[in-house]
């Protein structure tokens, strides 16, 4: 399983545990994918950006 898959699964579980609606969870996942840098220059930055802003 890739780091991105692990990140998405963890965030989905966190949101589900908080009682977030399906729409809110979709928004979080969409934000993660929108923050992915496909150039591969900053792989560590993806996880850092994707885990902030939804607490």
C-alpha atoms as a PDB file:
ATOM      1  CA  UNK A   1       0.000   0.000   0.000  1.00  0.00           C
ATOM      2  CA  UNK A   2       1.404   3.399  -0.971  1.00  0.00           C
ATOM      3  CA  UNK A   3       1.898   6.286   1.428  1.00  0.00           C
ATOM      4  CA  UNK A   4      -0.914   8.148  -0.312  1.00  0.00           C
ATOM      5  CA  UNK A   5      -3.307   5.232   0.218  1.00  0.00           C
ATOM      6  CA  UNK A   6      -2.328   5.065   3.886  1.00  0.00           C
ATOM      7  CA  UNK A   7      -2.867   8.797   4.281  1.00  0.00           C
ATOM      8  CA  UNK A   8      -6.292   8.695   2.633  1.00  0.00           C
ATOM      9  CA  UNK A   9      -7.414   5.700   4.694  1.00  0.00           C
ATOM     10  CA  UNK A  10      -6.213   7.294   7.943  1.00  0.00           C
ATOM     11  CA  UNK A  11      -7.928  10.601   7.195  1.00  0.00           C
ATOM     12  CA  UNK A  12     -11.166   8.847   6.222  1.00  0.00           C
ATOM     13  CA  UNK A  13     -11.099   6.868   9.482  1.00  0.00           C
ATOM     14  CA  UNK A  14     -10.426  10.032  11.507  1.00  0.00           C
ATOM     15  CA  UNK A  15     -13.299  11.879   9.868  1.00  0.00           C
ATOM     16  CA  UNK A  16     -15.637   8.895  10.291  1.00  0.00           C
ATOM     17  CA  UNK A  17     -14.686   8.657  13.980  1.00  0.00           C
ATOM     18  CA  UNK A  18     -15.544  12.349  14.404  1.00  0.00           C
ATOM     19  CA  UNK A  19     -18.975  11.665  12.966  1.00  0.00           C
ATOM     20  CA  UNK A  20     -18.413  13.575   9.730  1.00  0.00           C
ATOM     21  CA  UNK A  21     -20.966  13.168   6.983  1.00  0.00           C
ATOM     22  CA  UNK A  22     -20.128  11.351   3.753  1.00  0.00           C
ATOM     23  CA  UNK A  23     -19.997  14.720   1.975  1.00  0.00           C
ATOM     24  CA  UNK A  24     -17.452  16.063   4.476  1.00  0.00           C
ATOM     25  CA  UNK A  25     -15.302  12.957   4.087  1.00  0.00           C
ATOM     26  CA  UNK A  26     -15.405  13.293   0.296  1.00  0.00           C
ATOM     27  CA  UNK A  27     -14.260  16.909   0.635  1.00  0.00           C
ATOM     28  CA  UNK A  28     -11.299  15.875   2.802  1.00  0.00           C
ATOM     29  CA  UNK A  29     -10.274  13.154   0.333  1.00  0.00           C
ATOM     30  CA  UNK A  30     -10.683  15.549  -2.600  1.00  0.00           C
ATOM     31  CA  UNK A  31      -8.471  18.093  -0.813  1.00  0.00           C
ATOM     32  CA  UNK A  32      -5.797  15.440  -0.310  1.00  0.00           C
ATOM     33  CA  UNK A  33      -5.767  14.516  -3.987  1.00  0.00           C
ATOM     34  CA  UNK A  34      -5.775  18.172  -5.039  1.00  0.00           C
ATOM     35  CA  UNK A  35      -2.676  18.754  -2.904  1.00  0.00           C
ATOM     36  CA  UNK A  36      -0.645  15.931  -4.488  1.00  0.00           C
ATOM     37  CA  UNK A  37       2.473  17.112  -6.311  1.00  0.00           C
ATOM     38  CA  UNK A  38       2.779  14.726  -9.246  1.00  0.00           C
ATOM     39  CA  UNK A  39       6.261  15.986 -10.126  1.00  0.00           C
ATOM     40  CA  UNK A  40       7.649  14.019  -7.184  1.00  0.00           C
ATOM     41  CA  UNK A  41       9.868  16.911  -6.084  1.00  0.00           C
ATOM     42  CA  UNK A  42       8.385  17.262  -2.600  1.00  0.00           C
ATOM     43  CA  UNK A  43       6.945  13.914  -1.467  1.00  0.00           C
ATOM     44  CA  UNK A  44       7.070  14.823   2.226  1.00  0.00           C
ATOM     45  CA  UNK A  45       5.124  18.015   1.671  1.00  0.00           C
ATOM     46  CA  UNK A  46       2.068  16.129   0.407  1.00  0.00           C
ATOM     47  CA  UNK A  47       1.390  14.462   3.742  1.00  0.00           C
ATOM     48  CA  UNK A  48       2.022  17.656   5.675  1.00  0.00           C
ATOM     49  CA  UNK A  49      -0.385  19.714   3.554  1.00  0.00           C
ATOM     50  CA  UNK A  50      -3.004  17.015   3.419  1.00  0.00           C
ATOM     51  CA  UNK A  51      -3.218  16.583   7.181  1.00  0.00           C
ATOM     52  CA  UNK A  52      -3.821  20.245   8.038  1.00  0.00           C
ATOM     53  CA  UNK A  53      -6.875  22.422   7.837  1.00  0.00           C
ATOM     54  CA  UNK A  54      -9.615  19.947   8.750  1.00  0.00           C
ATOM     55  CA  UNK A  55      -9.159  19.618  12.496  1.00  0.00           C
END
